[in-house]
Amino acid sequence: MLEELRQELERQERSAAWLARKTDFDPSYVTRVLNGERKPSPVFQARAAEALGVAADQLFTQALPA
């Protein structure tokens, strides 16, 4: 789950800590999302997409409601 988000972070050479700072979410929350242990909130989805400069539906194809 959330492979697209991990791949985009890697492509941009960004870390989970960077994403946590940019989204104003706790680093442990971001890590749990990246590990598939927690479903990302809509707010996190929007902030992560904005921080990375991509559409949320490109990053969270499996996490978004159908």
PDB file of N, CA and C in Angstrom:
ATOM      1  N   MET A   1       0.839  -1.191   0.000  1.00  0.00           N
ATOM      2  CA  MET A   1       0.000   0.000   0.000  1.00  0.00           C
ATOM      3  C   MET A   1       0.879   1.248   0.000  1.00  0.00           C
ATOM      4  N   LEU A   2       0.446   2.250  -0.714  1.00  0.00           N
ATOM      5  CA  LEU A   2       1.117   3.546  -0.778  1.00  0.00           C
ATOM      6  C   LEU A   2       2.494   3.484  -1.432  1.00  0.00           C
ATOM      7  N   GLU A   3       2.675   2.530  -2.290  1.00  0.00           N
ATOM      8  CA  GLU A   3       3.947   2.420  -3.005  1.00  0.00           C
ATOM      9  C   GLU A   3       4.229   3.680  -3.813  1.00  0.00           C
ATOM     10  N   GLU A   4       3.188   4.308  -4.351  1.00  0.00           N
ATOM     11  CA  GLU A   4       3.374   5.517  -5.147  1.00  0.00           C
ATOM     12  C   GLU A   4       4.000   6.636  -4.314  1.00  0.00           C
ATOM     13  N   LEU A   5       3.556   6.781  -3.073  1.00  0.00           N
ATOM     14  CA  LEU A   5       4.113   7.811  -2.199  1.00  0.00           C
ATOM     15  C   LEU A   5       5.582   7.529  -1.911  1.00  0.00           C
ATOM     16  N   ARG A   6       5.898   6.298  -1.589  1.00  0.00           N
ATOM     17  CA  ARG A   6       7.302   5.939  -1.334  1.00  0.00           C
ATOM     18  C   ARG A   6       8.165   6.190  -2.568  1.00  0.00           C
ATOM     19  N   GLN A   7       7.664   5.820  -3.724  1.00  0.00           N
ATOM     20  CA  GLN A   7       8.424   6.008  -4.959  1.00  0.00           C
ATOM     21  C   GLN A   7       8.651   7.484  -5.262  1.00  0.00           C
ATOM     22  N   GLU A   8       7.633   8.302  -5.023  1.00  0.00           N
ATOM     23  CA  GLU A   8       7.778   9.744  -5.282  1.00  0.00           C
ATOM     24  C   GLU A   8       8.783  10.364  -4.324  1.00  0.00           C
ATOM     25  N   LEU A   9       8.755   9.967  -3.068  1.00  0.00           N
ATOM     26  CA  LEU A   9       9.749  10.461  -2.113  1.00  0.00           C
ATOM     27  C   LEU A   9      11.153  10.080  -2.574  1.00  0.00           C
ATOM     28  N   GLU A  10      11.313   8.847  -2.996  1.00  0.00           N
ATOM     29  CA  GLU A  10      12.622   8.388  -3.469  1.00  0.00           C
ATOM     30  C   GLU A  10      13.038   9.150  -4.725  1.00  0.00           C
ATOM     31  N   ARG A  11      12.114   9.318  -5.647  1.00  0.00           N
ATOM     32  CA  ARG A  11      12.414  10.022  -6.894  1.00  0.00           C
ATOM     33  C   ARG A  11      12.903  11.448  -6.623  1.00  0.00           C
ATOM     34  N   GLN A  12      12.290  12.098  -5.658  1.00  0.00           N
ATOM     35  CA  GLN A  12      12.661  13.473  -5.309  1.00  0.00           C
ATOM     36  C   GLN A  12      13.780  13.524  -4.270  1.00  0.00           C
ATOM     37  N   GLU A  13      14.271  12.354  -3.889  1.00  0.00           N
ATOM     38  CA  GLU A  13      15.330  12.260  -2.882  1.00  0.00           C
ATOM     39  C   GLU A  13      14.937  12.964  -1.585  1.00  0.00           C
ATOM     40  N   ARG A  14      13.719  12.659  -1.150  1.00  0.00           N
ATOM     41  CA  ARG A  14      13.178  13.217   0.092  1.00  0.00           C
ATOM     42  C   ARG A  14      12.994  12.097   1.109  1.00  0.00           C
ATOM     43  N   SER A  15      13.003  12.467   2.372  1.00  0.00           N
ATOM     44  CA  SER A  15      12.863  11.484   3.450  1.00  0.00           C
ATOM     45  C   SER A  15      11.502  11.601   4.122  1.00  0.00           C
ATOM     46  N   ALA A  16      11.191  10.618   4.933  1.00  0.00           N
ATOM     47  CA  ALA A  16       9.965  10.666   5.732  1.00  0.00           C
ATOM     48  C   ALA A  16      10.012  11.856   6.687  1.00  0.00           C
ATOM     49  N   ALA A  17      11.183  12.148   7.223  1.00  0.00           N
ATOM     50  CA  ALA A  17      11.323  13.296   8.130  1.00  0.00           C
ATOM     51  C   ALA A  17      11.025  14.603   7.397  1.00  0.00           C
ATOM     52  N   TRP A  18      11.501  14.714   6.175  1.00  0.00           N
ATOM     53  CA  TRP A  18      11.220  15.905   5.366  1.00  0.00           C
ATOM     54  C   TRP A  18       9.713  16.041   5.161  1.00  0.00           C
ATOM     55  N   LEU A  19       9.068  14.927   4.794  1.00  0.00           N
ATOM     56  CA  LEU A  19       7.626  14.957   4.555  1.00  0.00           C
ATOM     57  C   LEU A  19       6.871  15.321   5.829  1.00  0.00           C
ATOM     58  N   ALA A  20       7.319  14.821   6.951  1.00  0.00           N
ATOM     59  CA  ALA A  20       6.687  15.163   8.230  1.00  0.00           C
ATOM     60  C   ALA A  20       6.767  16.670   8.481  1.00  0.00           C
ATOM     61  N   ARG A  21       7.942  17.248   8.242  1.00  0.00           N
ATOM     62  CA  ARG A  21       8.098  18.700   8.436  1.00  0.00           C
ATOM     63  C   ARG A  21       7.199  19.477   7.483  1.00  0.00           C
ATOM     64  N   LYS A  22       7.163  19.081   6.221  1.00  0.00           N
ATOM     65  CA  LYS A  22       6.389  19.796   5.211  1.00  0.00           C
ATOM     66  C   LYS A  22       4.884  19.680   5.419  1.00  0.00           C
ATOM     67  N   THR A  23       4.442  18.574   5.974  1.00  0.00           N
ATOM     68  CA  THR A  23       3.006  18.358   6.163  1.00  0.00           C
ATOM     69  C   THR A  23       2.533  18.744   7.555  1.00  0.00           C
ATOM     70  N   ASP A  24       3.477  19.017   8.452  1.00  0.00           N
ATOM     71  CA  ASP A  24       3.172  19.338   9.843  1.00  0.00           C
ATOM     72  C   ASP A  24       2.491  18.170  10.554  1.00  0.00           C
ATOM     73  N   PHE A  25       2.935  16.949  10.197  1.00  0.00           N
ATOM     74  CA  PHE A  25       2.473  15.730  10.864  1.00  0.00           C
ATOM     75  C   PHE A  25       3.641  15.144  11.636  1.00  0.00           C
ATOM     76  N   ASP A  26       3.331  14.413  12.682  1.00  0.00           N
ATOM     77  CA  ASP A  26       4.353  13.764  13.488  1.00  0.00           C
ATOM     78  C   ASP A  26       5.139  12.768  12.631  1.00  0.00           C
ATOM     79  N   PRO A  27       6.458  12.732  12.777  1.00  0.00           N
ATOM     80  CA  PRO A  27       7.262  11.784  11.993  1.00  0.00           C
ATOM     81  C   PRO A  27       6.828  10.328  12.166  1.00  0.00           C
ATOM     82  N   SER A  28       6.377   9.959  13.349  1.00  0.00           N
ATOM     83  CA  SER A  28       5.946   8.568  13.540  1.00  0.00           C
ATOM     84  C   SER A  28       4.674   8.278  12.742  1.00  0.00           C
ATOM     85  N   TYR A  29       3.799   9.261  12.623  1.00  0.00           N
ATOM     86  CA  TYR A  29       2.590   9.096  11.805  1.00  0.00           C
ATOM     87  C   TYR A  29       2.984   8.862  10.352  1.00  0.00           C
ATOM     88  N   VAL A  30       3.882   9.687   9.841  1.00  0.00           N
ATOM     89  CA  VAL A  30       4.318   9.563   8.450  1.00  0.00           C
ATOM     90  C   VAL A  30       4.956   8.191   8.224  1.00  0.00           C
ATOM     91  N   THR A  31       5.781   7.754   9.137  1.00  0.00           N
ATOM     92  CA  THR A  31       6.424   6.452   9.009  1.00  0.00           C
ATOM     93  C   THR A  31       5.383   5.334   8.998  1.00  0.00           C
ATOM     94  N   ARG A  32       4.390   5.429   9.867  1.00  0.00           N
ATOM     95  CA  ARG A  32       3.334   4.404   9.893  1.00  0.00           C
ATOM     96  C   ARG A  32       2.536   4.393   8.587  1.00  0.00           C
ATOM     97  N   VAL A  33       2.289   5.566   8.033  1.00  0.00           N
ATOM     98  CA  VAL A  33       1.600   5.639   6.739  1.00  0.00           C
ATOM     99  C   VAL A  33       2.456   4.977   5.667  1.00  0.00           C
ATOM    100  N   LEU A  34       3.732   5.329   5.620  1.00  0.00           N
ATOM    101  CA  LEU A  34       4.629   4.773   4.605  1.00  0.00           C
ATOM    102  C   LEU A  34       4.782   3.260   4.736  1.00  0.00           C
ATOM    103  N   ASN A  35       4.676   2.751   5.939  1.00  0.00           N
ATOM    104  CA  ASN A  35       4.789   1.309   6.171  1.00  0.00           C
ATOM    105  C   ASN A  35       3.461   0.579   6.007  1.00  0.00           C
ATOM    106  N   GLY A  36       2.399   1.330   5.704  1.00  0.00           N
ATOM    107  CA  GLY A  36       1.094   0.708   5.525  1.00  0.00           C
ATOM    108  C   GLY A  36       0.414   0.325   6.818  1.00  0.00           C
ATOM    109  N   GLU A  37       0.897   0.841   7.929  1.00  0.00           N
ATOM    110  CA  GLU A  37       0.323   0.520   9.233  1.00  0.00           C
ATOM    111  C   GLU A  37      -0.836   1.438   9.605  1.00  0.00           C
ATOM    112  N   ARG A  38      -0.965   2.528   8.887  1.00  0.00           N
ATOM    113  CA  ARG A  38      -2.012   3.499   9.178  1.00  0.00           C
ATOM    114  C   ARG A  38      -2.524   4.065   7.861  1.00  0.00           C
ATOM    115  N   LYS A  39      -3.826   4.206   7.765  1.00  0.00           N
ATOM    116  CA  LYS A  39      -4.422   4.805   6.572  1.00  0.00           C
ATOM    117  C   LYS A  39      -4.217   6.322   6.645  1.00  0.00           C
ATOM    118  N   PRO A  40      -3.737   6.933   5.580  1.00  0.00           N
ATOM    119  CA  PRO A  40      -3.501   8.378   5.611  1.00  0.00           C
ATOM    120  C   PRO A  40      -4.809   9.158   5.652  1.00  0.00           C
ATOM    121  N   SER A  41      -4.834  10.167   6.486  1.00  0.00           N
ATOM    122  CA  SER A  41      -6.028  11.011   6.572  1.00  0.00           C
ATOM    123  C   SER A  41      -6.138  11.859   5.300  1.00  0.00           C
ATOM    124  N   PRO A  42      -7.330  12.347   5.005  1.00  0.00           N
ATOM    125  CA  PRO A  42      -7.483  13.232   3.847  1.00  0.00           C
ATOM    126  C   PRO A  42      -6.609  14.484   3.948  1.00  0.00           C
ATOM    127  N   VAL A  43      -6.446  15.006   5.140  1.00  0.00           N
ATOM    128  CA  VAL A  43      -5.593  16.187   5.326  1.00  0.00           C
ATOM    129  C   VAL A  43      -4.142  15.839   4.989  1.00  0.00           C
ATOM    130  N   PHE A  44      -3.668  14.703   5.484  1.00  0.00           N
ATOM    131  CA  PHE A  44      -2.300  14.283   5.168  1.00  0.00           C
ATOM    132  C   PHE A  44      -2.137  14.069   3.673  1.00  0.00           C
ATOM    133  N   GLN A  45      -3.109  13.440   3.042  1.00  0.00           N
ATOM    134  CA  GLN A  45      -3.036  13.200   1.604  1.00  0.00           C
ATOM    135  C   GLN A  45      -2.871  14.519   0.840  1.00  0.00           C
ATOM    136  N   ALA A  46      -3.678  15.497   1.194  1.00  0.00           N
ATOM    137  CA  ALA A  46      -3.619  16.790   0.515  1.00  0.00           C
ATOM    138  C   ALA A  46      -2.293  17.502   0.767  1.00  0.00           C
ATOM    139  N   ARG A  47      -1.845  17.496   2.005  1.00  0.00           N
ATOM    140  CA  ARG A  47      -0.580  18.177   2.328  1.00  0.00           C
ATOM    141  C   ARG A  47       0.620  17.488   1.698  1.00  0.00           C
ATOM    142  N   ALA A  48       0.621  16.161   1.684  1.00  0.00           N
ATOM    143  CA  ALA A  48       1.734  15.423   1.082  1.00  0.00           C
ATOM    144  C   ALA A  48       1.800  15.691  -0.414  1.00  0.00           C
ATOM    145  N   ALA A  49       0.649  15.664  -1.062  1.00  0.00           N
ATOM    146  CA  ALA A  49       0.609  15.932  -2.501  1.00  0.00           C
ATOM    147  C   ALA A  49       1.109  17.342  -2.800  1.00  0.00           C
ATOM    148  N   GLU A  50       0.678  18.301  -2.008  1.00  0.00           N
ATOM    149  CA  GLU A  50       1.128  19.684  -2.207  1.00  0.00           C
ATOM    150  C   GLU A  50       2.636  19.805  -1.988  1.00  0.00           C
ATOM    151  N   ALA A  51       3.132  19.191  -0.940  1.00  0.00           N
ATOM    152  CA  ALA A  51       4.563  19.259  -0.636  1.00  0.00           C
ATOM    153  C   ALA A  51       5.406  18.670  -1.761  1.00  0.00           C
ATOM    154  N   LEU A  52       4.897  17.597  -2.367  1.00  0.00           N
ATOM    155  CA  LEU A  52       5.636  16.914  -3.422  1.00  0.00           C
ATOM    156  C   LEU A  52       5.319  17.452  -4.811  1.00  0.00           C
ATOM    157  N   GLY A  53       4.319  18.323  -4.907  1.00  0.00           N
ATOM    158  CA  GLY A  53       3.982  18.932  -6.186  1.00  0.00           C
ATOM    159  C   GLY A  53       3.311  17.988  -7.170  1.00  0.00           C
ATOM    160  N   VAL A  54       2.521  17.065  -6.649  1.00  0.00           N
ATOM    161  CA  VAL A  54       1.790  16.122  -7.497  1.00  0.00           C
ATOM    162  C   VAL A  54       0.349  16.025  -7.015  1.00  0.00           C
ATOM    163  N   ALA A  55      -0.507  15.436  -7.840  1.00  0.00           N
ATOM    164  CA  ALA A  55      -1.911  15.252  -7.467  1.00  0.00           C
ATOM    165  C   ALA A  55      -2.046  14.139  -6.432  1.00  0.00           C
ATOM    166  N   ALA A  56      -2.934  14.339  -5.484  1.00  0.00           N
ATOM    167  CA  ALA A  56      -3.136  13.346  -4.424  1.00  0.00           C
ATOM    168  C   ALA A  56      -3.532  11.988  -4.992  1.00  0.00           C
ATOM    169  N   ASP A  57      -4.317  11.978  -6.054  1.00  0.00           N
ATOM    170  CA  ASP A  57      -4.745  10.680  -6.597  1.00  0.00           C
ATOM    171  C   ASP A  57      -3.603   9.921  -7.273  1.00  0.00           C
ATOM    172  N   GLN A  58      -2.494  10.593  -7.531  1.00  0.00           N
ATOM    173  CA  GLN A  58      -1.311   9.899  -8.053  1.00  0.00           C
ATOM    174  C   GLN A  58      -0.518   9.236  -6.925  1.00  0.00           C
ATOM    175  N   LEU A  59      -0.603   9.794  -5.740  1.00  0.00           N
ATOM    176  CA  LEU A  59       0.154   9.265  -4.600  1.00  0.00           C
ATOM    177  C   LEU A  59      -0.622   8.244  -3.794  1.00  0.00           C
ATOM    178  N   PHE A  60      -1.922   8.361  -3.771  1.00  0.00           N
ATOM    179  CA  PHE A  60      -2.736   7.570  -2.853  1.00  0.00           C
ATOM    180  C   PHE A  60      -3.802   6.773  -3.586  1.00  0.00           C
ATOM    181  N   THR A  61      -3.431   6.131  -4.674  1.00  0.00           N
ATOM    182  CA  THR A  61      -4.419   5.410  -5.474  1.00  0.00           C
ATOM    183  C   THR A  61      -5.085   4.295  -4.676  1.00  0.00           C
ATOM    184  N   GLN A  62      -4.360   3.657  -3.764  1.00  0.00           N
ATOM    185  CA  GLN A  62      -4.935   2.558  -2.982  1.00  0.00           C
ATOM    186  C   GLN A  62      -5.566   3.053  -1.683  1.00  0.00           C
ATOM    187  N   ALA A  63      -5.240   4.261  -1.268  1.00  0.00           N
ATOM    188  CA  ALA A  63      -5.712   4.755   0.021  1.00  0.00           C
ATOM    189  C   ALA A  63      -6.999   5.561  -0.104  1.00  0.00           C
ATOM    190  N   LEU A  64      -7.253   6.093  -1.285  1.00  0.00           N
ATOM    191  CA  LEU A  64      -8.440   6.923  -1.460  1.00  0.00           C
ATOM    192  C   LEU A  64      -9.679   6.048  -1.523  1.00  0.00           C
ATOM    193  N   PRO A  65     -10.796   6.543  -1.011  1.00  0.00           N
ATOM    194  CA  PRO A  65     -12.040   5.765  -1.085  1.00  0.00           C
ATOM    195  C   PRO A  65     -12.469   5.603  -2.534  1.00  0.00           C
ATOM    196  N   ALA A  66     -13.089   4.485  -2.828  1.00  0.00           N
ATOM    197  CA  ALA A  66     -13.543   4.197  -4.201  1.00  0.00           C
ATOM    198  C   ALA A  66     -14.737   5.019  -4.577  1.00  0.00           C
TER     199      ALA A  66
END
